[in-house]
Amino acid sequence: MTNTDEITNQLKSLLETLRACDDPHRATAEWKQAFNLLKKTDLPANTVANVVAMRGVERLEELIETLAGPPETAEEDRPDAETCRAALVAFRKRLKLTRLDDESRIDSRNHLSKGQASEINCITPPVEWPVEVWRELARQGKLRALGKGFYELAE
């Protein structure tokens, strides 16, 4: 069990405790525990602070679901190798074009391209393929999911 799994399990038990309270907004000790656990994750600090400050039980549940990640798909529901290969080729091409577009950007002071290498490492994948394809490529280790629909090459 990874550290994130342990934190997720602890947060789920805290969520059950908060739901059992008459007034979850007054459960200060539980919210403090939840805040300390959420700080150990990769979630944005301002999102964590907002959820704990507002003491939103539903929002806490959404954060826990985000930490848990997407449910594992059954073997027969996974996209085939050819679809994954074609999607990965399209992803690489889209990333390359996005980087080229960034490198050829013209600013207001210099009317020539800026001539710097692009710092873009992640993009939202092409919409021509379903989300399951991108999740499968991330599961295979070819892409890395960064959250909010962004992926980067794992290489």
N, C-alpha and C. Protein backbone atom coordinates (compact mmCIF):
# COMPACT_ATOMS: atom_id res chain seq x y z
N MET A 1 0.85 -1.17 0.00
CA MET A 1 0.00 0.00 0.00
C MET A 1 0.90 1.24 0.00
N THR A 2 0.66 2.16 -0.92
CA THR A 2 1.49 3.36 -1.01
C THR A 2 1.05 4.39 0.03
N ASN A 3 1.86 5.42 0.16
CA ASN A 3 1.58 6.48 1.11
C ASN A 3 0.25 7.17 0.77
N THR A 4 -0.01 7.40 -0.52
CA THR A 4 -1.25 8.04 -0.93
C THR A 4 -2.45 7.17 -0.59
N ASP A 5 -2.31 5.85 -0.73
CA ASP A 5 -3.41 4.95 -0.37
C ASP A 5 -3.70 5.02 1.12
N GLU A 6 -2.66 5.08 1.92
CA GLU A 6 -2.84 5.19 3.37
C GLU A 6 -3.54 6.49 3.73
N ILE A 7 -3.09 7.58 3.13
CA ILE A 7 -3.70 8.89 3.39
C ILE A 7 -5.16 8.87 2.94
N THR A 8 -5.43 8.28 1.79
CA THR A 8 -6.80 8.21 1.29
C THR A 8 -7.68 7.42 2.24
N ASN A 9 -7.19 6.31 2.74
CA ASN A 9 -7.98 5.51 3.69
C ASN A 9 -8.24 6.29 4.98
N GLN A 10 -7.23 6.99 5.48
CA GLN A 10 -7.42 7.80 6.68
C GLN A 10 -8.43 8.92 6.44
N LEU A 11 -8.37 9.53 5.26
CA LEU A 11 -9.32 10.59 4.93
C LEU A 11 -10.74 10.05 4.81
N LYS A 12 -10.87 8.84 4.27
CA LYS A 12 -12.21 8.24 4.16
C LYS A 12 -12.80 7.98 5.53
N SER A 13 -11.99 7.51 6.48
CA SER A 13 -12.51 7.29 7.82
C SER A 13 -12.86 8.62 8.49
N LEU A 14 -12.06 9.67 8.24
CA LEU A 14 -12.40 11.00 8.76
C LEU A 14 -13.69 11.53 8.15
N LEU A 15 -13.89 11.25 6.86
CA LEU A 15 -15.12 11.68 6.19
C LEU A 15 -16.33 11.01 6.83
N GLU A 16 -16.22 9.72 7.13
CA GLU A 16 -17.32 9.02 7.80
C GLU A 16 -17.60 9.62 9.17
N THR A 17 -16.54 9.97 9.90
CA THR A 17 -16.69 10.60 11.21
C THR A 17 -17.38 11.95 11.08
N LEU A 18 -16.99 12.73 10.07
CA LEU A 18 -17.60 14.04 9.86
C LEU A 18 -19.07 13.91 9.49
N ARG A 19 -19.39 12.93 8.68
CA ARG A 19 -20.80 12.72 8.30
C ARG A 19 -21.64 12.27 9.49
N ALA A 20 -21.03 11.58 10.45
CA ALA A 20 -21.75 11.11 11.62
C ALA A 20 -22.01 12.23 12.63
N CYS A 21 -21.25 13.32 12.52
CA CYS A 21 -21.42 14.45 13.44
C CYS A 21 -22.75 15.15 13.18
N ASP A 22 -23.31 15.71 14.27
CA ASP A 22 -24.54 16.50 14.13
C ASP A 22 -24.28 17.75 13.31
N ASP A 23 -23.15 18.40 13.58
CA ASP A 23 -22.77 19.60 12.85
C ASP A 23 -21.31 19.46 12.42
N PRO A 24 -21.06 19.02 11.17
CA PRO A 24 -19.68 18.81 10.71
C PRO A 24 -18.83 20.08 10.76
N HIS A 25 -19.46 21.24 10.73
CA HIS A 25 -18.71 22.49 10.76
C HIS A 25 -18.02 22.72 12.09
N ARG A 26 -18.52 22.09 13.15
CA ARG A 26 -17.95 22.30 14.48
C ARG A 26 -16.94 21.22 14.86
N ALA A 27 -16.68 20.27 13.99
CA ALA A 27 -15.74 19.19 14.28
C ALA A 27 -14.32 19.67 13.97
N THR A 28 -13.82 20.53 14.81
CA THR A 28 -12.53 21.19 14.57
C THR A 28 -11.38 20.20 14.53
N ALA A 29 -11.36 19.26 15.45
CA ALA A 29 -10.25 18.31 15.52
C ALA A 29 -10.18 17.46 14.25
N GLU A 30 -11.32 17.03 13.75
CA GLU A 30 -11.35 16.21 12.54
C GLU A 30 -10.89 17.01 11.33
N TRP A 31 -11.32 18.26 11.23
CA TRP A 31 -10.92 19.09 10.11
C TRP A 31 -9.42 19.38 10.16
N LYS A 32 -8.90 19.54 11.38
CA LYS A 32 -7.45 19.76 11.52
C LYS A 32 -6.68 18.52 11.05
N GLN A 33 -7.17 17.34 11.41
CA GLN A 33 -6.54 16.10 10.95
C GLN A 33 -6.61 16.00 9.43
N ALA A 34 -7.78 16.32 8.86
CA ALA A 34 -7.95 16.25 7.41
C ALA A 34 -6.99 17.22 6.72
N PHE A 35 -6.84 18.40 7.28
CA PHE A 35 -5.94 19.40 6.70
C PHE A 35 -4.50 18.89 6.72
N ASN A 36 -4.08 18.34 7.84
CA ASN A 36 -2.71 17.82 7.95
C ASN A 36 -2.46 16.67 6.98
N LEU A 37 -3.45 15.82 6.78
CA LEU A 37 -3.31 14.72 5.82
C LEU A 37 -3.27 15.23 4.40
N LEU A 38 -4.15 16.19 4.08
CA LEU A 38 -4.21 16.72 2.72
C LEU A 38 -2.96 17.50 2.35
N LYS A 39 -2.29 18.09 3.32
CA LYS A 39 -1.05 18.82 3.05
C LYS A 39 0.05 17.88 2.57
N LYS A 40 -0.04 16.62 2.92
CA LYS A 40 0.99 15.64 2.53
C LYS A 40 0.80 15.14 1.10
N THR A 41 -0.28 15.53 0.45
CA THR A 41 -0.57 15.06 -0.90
C THR A 41 -0.09 16.07 -1.93
N ASP A 42 -0.28 15.73 -3.21
CA ASP A 42 0.11 16.61 -4.31
C ASP A 42 -0.99 17.58 -4.71
N LEU A 43 -2.07 17.61 -3.95
CA LEU A 43 -3.17 18.52 -4.28
C LEU A 43 -2.73 19.96 -4.08
N PRO A 44 -3.27 20.90 -4.88
CA PRO A 44 -2.90 22.31 -4.73
C PRO A 44 -3.21 22.82 -3.32
N ALA A 45 -2.27 23.55 -2.74
CA ALA A 45 -2.41 24.01 -1.36
C ALA A 45 -3.62 24.93 -1.18
N ASN A 46 -3.88 25.78 -2.18
CA ASN A 46 -5.02 26.70 -2.03
C ASN A 46 -6.35 25.96 -2.08
N THR A 47 -6.45 24.89 -2.85
CA THR A 47 -7.67 24.09 -2.90
C THR A 47 -7.89 23.41 -1.56
N VAL A 48 -6.83 22.84 -1.01
CA VAL A 48 -6.92 22.17 0.29
C VAL A 48 -7.36 23.17 1.36
N ALA A 49 -6.72 24.34 1.36
CA ALA A 49 -7.05 25.35 2.37
C ALA A 49 -8.49 25.82 2.24
N ASN A 50 -8.97 25.99 1.01
CA ASN A 50 -10.35 26.43 0.80
C ASN A 50 -11.35 25.40 1.30
N VAL A 51 -11.11 24.14 1.01
CA VAL A 51 -12.04 23.08 1.42
C VAL A 51 -12.10 23.01 2.94
N VAL A 52 -10.94 23.06 3.58
CA VAL A 52 -10.91 22.97 5.04
C VAL A 52 -11.49 24.23 5.68
N ALA A 53 -11.19 25.39 5.12
CA ALA A 53 -11.72 26.64 5.68
C ALA A 53 -13.24 26.70 5.57
N MET A 54 -13.77 26.24 4.44
CA MET A 54 -15.22 26.26 4.24
C MET A 54 -15.90 25.06 4.91
N ARG A 55 -15.07 24.08 5.30
CA ARG A 55 -15.55 22.86 5.94
C ARG A 55 -16.66 22.20 5.12
N GLY A 56 -16.37 22.07 3.83
CA GLY A 56 -17.31 21.46 2.91
C GLY A 56 -17.12 19.95 2.84
N VAL A 57 -18.05 19.22 3.38
CA VAL A 57 -17.96 17.76 3.40
C VAL A 57 -18.00 17.20 1.98
N GLU A 58 -18.86 17.77 1.13
CA GLU A 58 -18.96 17.28 -0.24
C GLU A 58 -17.66 17.54 -1.01
N ARG A 59 -17.07 18.72 -0.79
CA ARG A 59 -15.80 19.04 -1.46
C ARG A 59 -14.67 18.15 -0.96
N LEU A 60 -14.70 17.81 0.34
CA LEU A 60 -13.71 16.90 0.88
C LEU A 60 -13.83 15.53 0.22
N GLU A 61 -15.06 15.11 0.00
CA GLU A 61 -15.29 13.83 -0.67
C GLU A 61 -14.75 13.87 -2.10
N GLU A 62 -14.91 14.99 -2.79
CA GLU A 62 -14.39 15.12 -4.15
C GLU A 62 -12.85 15.06 -4.15
N LEU A 63 -12.22 15.69 -3.16
CA LEU A 63 -10.76 15.62 -3.07
C LEU A 63 -10.28 14.20 -2.82
N ILE A 64 -11.01 13.48 -1.98
CA ILE A 64 -10.64 12.09 -1.70
C ILE A 64 -10.78 11.25 -2.95
N GLU A 65 -11.83 11.47 -3.74
CA GLU A 65 -12.01 10.74 -4.99
C GLU A 65 -10.89 11.08 -5.98
N THR A 66 -10.45 12.34 -5.98
CA THR A 66 -9.35 12.74 -6.84
C THR A 66 -8.07 12.01 -6.44
N LEU A 67 -7.84 11.91 -5.14
CA LEU A 67 -6.66 11.20 -4.65
C LEU A 67 -6.71 9.72 -4.98
N ALA A 68 -7.90 9.13 -4.86
CA ALA A 68 -8.05 7.70 -5.12
C ALA A 68 -7.80 7.38 -6.59
N GLY A 69 -8.03 8.35 -7.46
CA GLY A 69 -7.79 8.13 -8.89
C GLY A 69 -8.97 7.43 -9.54
N PRO A 70 -8.89 7.26 -10.85
CA PRO A 70 -9.98 6.61 -11.57
C PRO A 70 -10.02 5.12 -11.22
N PRO A 71 -11.21 4.55 -11.22
CA PRO A 71 -11.31 3.13 -10.93
C PRO A 71 -10.62 2.30 -12.02
N GLU A 72 -10.05 1.19 -11.61
CA GLU A 72 -9.39 0.30 -12.56
C GLU A 72 -10.42 -0.26 -13.55
N THR A 73 -10.06 -0.26 -14.80
CA THR A 73 -10.96 -0.81 -15.80
C THR A 73 -10.67 -2.29 -15.98
N ALA A 74 -11.69 -3.02 -16.30
CA ALA A 74 -11.53 -4.46 -16.52
C ALA A 74 -10.70 -4.70 -17.77
N GLU A 75 -10.08 -5.85 -17.84
CA GLU A 75 -9.19 -6.17 -18.97
C GLU A 75 -9.91 -6.05 -20.31
N GLU A 76 -11.16 -6.48 -20.37
CA GLU A 76 -11.88 -6.44 -21.66
C GLU A 76 -12.33 -5.02 -22.03
N ASP A 77 -12.37 -4.10 -21.05
CA ASP A 77 -12.78 -2.73 -21.33
C ASP A 77 -11.62 -1.84 -21.76
N ARG A 78 -10.41 -2.33 -21.65
CA ARG A 78 -9.25 -1.54 -22.00
C ARG A 78 -9.11 -1.43 -23.52
N PRO A 79 -8.63 -0.27 -23.99
CA PRO A 79 -8.43 -0.11 -25.44
C PRO A 79 -7.33 -1.04 -25.95
N ASP A 80 -7.43 -1.40 -27.21
CA ASP A 80 -6.44 -2.32 -27.78
C ASP A 80 -5.12 -1.60 -28.05
N ALA A 81 -4.08 -2.38 -28.32
CA ALA A 81 -2.73 -1.85 -28.49
C ALA A 81 -2.62 -0.90 -29.68
N GLU A 82 -3.32 -1.22 -30.77
CA GLU A 82 -3.26 -0.38 -31.97
C GLU A 82 -3.86 1.01 -31.71
N THR A 83 -4.97 1.05 -30.97
CA THR A 83 -5.60 2.33 -30.63
C THR A 83 -4.67 3.14 -29.75
N CYS A 84 -4.05 2.49 -28.77
CA CYS A 84 -3.12 3.18 -27.88
C CYS A 84 -1.92 3.72 -28.65
N ARG A 85 -1.41 2.93 -29.60
CA ARG A 85 -0.26 3.37 -30.38
C ARG A 85 -0.62 4.59 -31.22
N ALA A 86 -1.76 4.56 -31.88
CA ALA A 86 -2.19 5.70 -32.70
C ALA A 86 -2.43 6.94 -31.84
N ALA A 87 -3.00 6.75 -30.67
CA ALA A 87 -3.25 7.88 -29.78
C ALA A 87 -1.95 8.48 -29.28
N LEU A 88 -0.97 7.63 -28.99
CA LEU A 88 0.32 8.12 -28.51
C LEU A 88 1.05 8.90 -29.61
N VAL A 89 0.94 8.43 -30.85
CA VAL A 89 1.53 9.17 -31.98
C VAL A 89 0.87 10.54 -32.10
N ALA A 90 -0.44 10.59 -31.98
CA ALA A 90 -1.15 11.87 -32.06
C ALA A 90 -0.78 12.78 -30.90
N PHE A 91 -0.60 12.19 -29.72
CA PHE A 91 -0.20 12.99 -28.56
C PHE A 91 1.17 13.62 -28.78
N ARG A 92 2.11 12.83 -29.26
CA ARG A 92 3.46 13.35 -29.52
C ARG A 92 3.43 14.46 -30.57
N LYS A 93 2.63 14.26 -31.61
CA LYS A 93 2.53 15.27 -32.67
C LYS A 93 1.91 16.56 -32.12
N ARG A 94 0.86 16.43 -31.31
CA ARG A 94 0.22 17.61 -30.72
C ARG A 94 1.19 18.34 -29.80
N LEU A 95 1.96 17.60 -29.02
CA LEU A 95 2.94 18.21 -28.13
C LEU A 95 4.01 18.95 -28.94
N LYS A 96 4.48 18.31 -30.00
CA LYS A 96 5.50 18.93 -30.85
C LYS A 96 4.97 20.23 -31.47
N LEU A 97 3.74 20.22 -31.98
CA LEU A 97 3.18 21.42 -32.60
C LEU A 97 2.95 22.52 -31.56
N THR A 98 2.54 22.13 -30.36
CA THR A 98 2.34 23.12 -29.30
C THR A 98 3.66 23.77 -28.93
N ARG A 99 4.73 22.98 -28.85
CA ARG A 99 6.05 23.53 -28.55
C ARG A 99 6.52 24.46 -29.67
N LEU A 100 6.32 24.03 -30.93
CA LEU A 100 6.73 24.88 -32.06
C LEU A 100 5.97 26.20 -32.06
N ASP A 101 4.68 26.14 -31.74
CA ASP A 101 3.88 27.35 -31.68
C ASP A 101 4.40 28.28 -30.59
N ASP A 102 4.77 27.71 -29.45
CA ASP A 102 5.31 28.52 -28.36
C ASP A 102 6.65 29.14 -28.73
N GLU A 103 7.50 28.39 -29.41
CA GLU A 103 8.82 28.88 -29.78
C GLU A 103 8.76 29.98 -30.84
N SER A 104 7.73 29.98 -31.66
CA SER A 104 7.65 30.98 -32.73
C SER A 104 6.78 32.18 -32.34
N ARG A 105 6.43 32.27 -31.09
CA ARG A 105 5.60 33.37 -30.60
C ARG A 105 6.32 34.70 -30.77
N ILE A 106 5.60 35.71 -31.16
CA ILE A 106 6.18 37.04 -31.34
C ILE A 106 5.70 37.93 -30.20
N ASP A 107 6.65 38.64 -29.56
CA ASP A 107 6.24 39.52 -28.48
C ASP A 107 6.20 40.96 -28.97
N SER A 108 5.79 41.87 -28.11
CA SER A 108 5.56 43.25 -28.54
C SER A 108 6.86 44.04 -28.77
N ARG A 109 7.96 43.67 -28.12
CA ARG A 109 9.20 44.42 -28.27
C ARG A 109 10.03 43.95 -29.46
N ASN A 110 10.04 42.65 -29.67
CA ASN A 110 10.86 42.09 -30.74
C ASN A 110 9.92 41.44 -31.75
N HIS A 111 9.94 41.89 -32.95
CA HIS A 111 9.02 41.38 -33.95
C HIS A 111 9.51 40.10 -34.62
N LEU A 112 10.62 39.59 -34.16
CA LEU A 112 11.09 38.29 -34.62
C LEU A 112 10.71 37.26 -33.57
N SER A 113 10.83 36.03 -33.93
CA SER A 113 10.51 35.01 -32.93
C SER A 113 11.50 35.10 -31.78
N LYS A 114 11.08 34.67 -30.62
CA LYS A 114 11.94 34.84 -29.45
C LYS A 114 13.14 33.90 -29.45
N GLY A 115 13.12 32.83 -30.23
CA GLY A 115 14.28 31.98 -30.40
C GLY A 115 14.66 31.13 -29.22
N GLN A 116 13.80 31.04 -28.24
CA GLN A 116 14.09 30.22 -27.06
C GLN A 116 13.41 28.87 -27.20
N ALA A 117 13.97 27.89 -26.53
CA ALA A 117 13.33 26.58 -26.51
C ALA A 117 12.07 26.66 -25.66
N SER A 118 11.07 25.95 -26.07
CA SER A 118 9.81 25.94 -25.35
C SER A 118 9.96 25.21 -24.02
N GLU A 119 9.25 25.69 -23.02
CA GLU A 119 9.25 25.05 -21.71
C GLU A 119 7.99 24.23 -21.49
N ILE A 120 7.20 24.04 -22.54
CA ILE A 120 5.96 23.28 -22.42
C ILE A 120 6.29 21.79 -22.34
N ASN A 121 5.82 21.15 -21.29
CA ASN A 121 6.07 19.72 -21.09
C ASN A 121 4.79 18.90 -21.08
N CYS A 122 3.65 19.56 -20.86
CA CYS A 122 2.39 18.80 -20.77
C CYS A 122 1.30 19.52 -21.56
N ILE A 123 0.34 18.73 -22.01
CA ILE A 123 -0.79 19.25 -22.78
C ILE A 123 -2.03 18.45 -22.42
N THR A 124 -3.17 18.98 -22.84
CA THR A 124 -4.39 18.16 -22.79
C THR A 124 -4.37 17.31 -24.05
N PRO A 125 -4.63 16.03 -23.94
CA PRO A 125 -4.53 15.15 -25.10
C PRO A 125 -5.61 15.43 -26.14
N PRO A 126 -5.37 15.01 -27.37
CA PRO A 126 -6.37 15.21 -28.43
C PRO A 126 -7.71 14.57 -28.07
N VAL A 127 -8.78 15.25 -28.41
CA VAL A 127 -10.12 14.79 -28.04
C VAL A 127 -10.66 13.71 -28.97
N GLU A 128 -9.90 13.37 -29.99
CA GLU A 128 -10.36 12.34 -30.92
C GLU A 128 -10.38 10.95 -30.29
N TRP A 129 -9.67 10.79 -29.18
CA TRP A 129 -9.65 9.51 -28.47
C TRP A 129 -10.30 9.69 -27.11
N PRO A 130 -10.99 8.66 -26.63
CA PRO A 130 -11.67 8.78 -25.34
C PRO A 130 -10.68 8.82 -24.17
N VAL A 131 -11.16 9.25 -23.04
CA VAL A 131 -10.34 9.38 -21.84
C VAL A 131 -9.73 8.04 -21.43
N GLU A 132 -10.43 6.95 -21.68
CA GLU A 132 -9.94 5.63 -21.29
C GLU A 132 -8.60 5.30 -21.97
N VAL A 133 -8.41 5.79 -23.19
CA VAL A 133 -7.16 5.54 -23.91
C VAL A 133 -6.01 6.23 -23.18
N TRP A 134 -6.24 7.46 -22.74
CA TRP A 134 -5.17 8.21 -22.06
C TRP A 134 -4.88 7.60 -20.69
N ARG A 135 -5.92 7.15 -20.02
CA ARG A 135 -5.71 6.48 -18.73
C ARG A 135 -4.92 5.19 -18.91
N GLU A 136 -5.21 4.46 -19.98
CA GLU A 136 -4.49 3.22 -20.25
C GLU A 136 -3.03 3.51 -20.56
N LEU A 137 -2.76 4.54 -21.33
CA LEU A 137 -1.37 4.90 -21.62
C LEU A 137 -0.64 5.34 -20.35
N ALA A 138 -1.34 6.02 -19.45
CA ALA A 138 -0.73 6.39 -18.17
C ALA A 138 -0.49 5.15 -17.32
N ARG A 139 -1.42 4.20 -17.36
CA ARG A 139 -1.26 2.95 -16.61
C ARG A 139 -0.07 2.16 -17.14
N GLN A 140 0.14 2.20 -18.45
CA GLN A 140 1.26 1.49 -19.06
C GLN A 140 2.59 2.19 -18.81
N GLY A 141 2.55 3.43 -18.34
CA GLY A 141 3.78 4.16 -18.05
C GLY A 141 4.31 4.97 -19.21
N LYS A 142 3.55 5.08 -20.29
CA LYS A 142 4.00 5.85 -21.45
C LYS A 142 3.69 7.33 -21.29
N LEU A 143 2.62 7.64 -20.56
CA LEU A 143 2.27 9.01 -20.23
C LEU A 143 2.17 9.13 -18.72
N ARG A 144 2.23 10.36 -18.25
CA ARG A 144 2.06 10.61 -16.83
C ARG A 144 0.91 11.58 -16.67
N ALA A 145 -0.09 11.21 -15.89
CA ALA A 145 -1.24 12.07 -15.64
C ALA A 145 -0.85 13.11 -14.59
N LEU A 146 -1.08 14.39 -14.91
CA LEU A 146 -0.71 15.46 -13.99
C LEU A 146 -1.91 16.07 -13.30
N GLY A 147 -3.11 15.64 -13.66
CA GLY A 147 -4.31 16.18 -13.06
C GLY A 147 -4.96 17.23 -13.96
N LYS A 148 -6.25 17.40 -13.75
CA LYS A 148 -7.05 18.38 -14.50
C LYS A 148 -6.97 18.14 -16.00
N GLY A 149 -6.78 16.90 -16.42
CA GLY A 149 -6.79 16.57 -17.84
C GLY A 149 -5.47 16.74 -18.55
N PHE A 150 -4.41 17.10 -17.85
CA PHE A 150 -3.09 17.29 -18.48
C PHE A 150 -2.26 16.02 -18.36
N TYR A 151 -1.51 15.74 -19.43
CA TYR A 151 -0.62 14.59 -19.47
C TYR A 151 0.71 15.04 -20.03
N GLU A 152 1.79 14.33 -19.64
CA GLU A 152 3.11 14.56 -20.20
C GLU A 152 3.71 13.22 -20.56
N LEU A 153 4.70 13.27 -21.46
CA LEU A 153 5.41 12.04 -21.82
C LEU A 153 6.21 11.56 -20.63
N ALA A 154 6.20 10.28 -20.40
CA ALA A 154 6.92 9.72 -19.26
C ALA A 154 8.40 9.53 -19.58
N GLU A 155 8.76 9.63 -20.83
CA GLU A 155 10.14 9.39 -21.25
C GLU A 155 11.02 10.57 -20.90
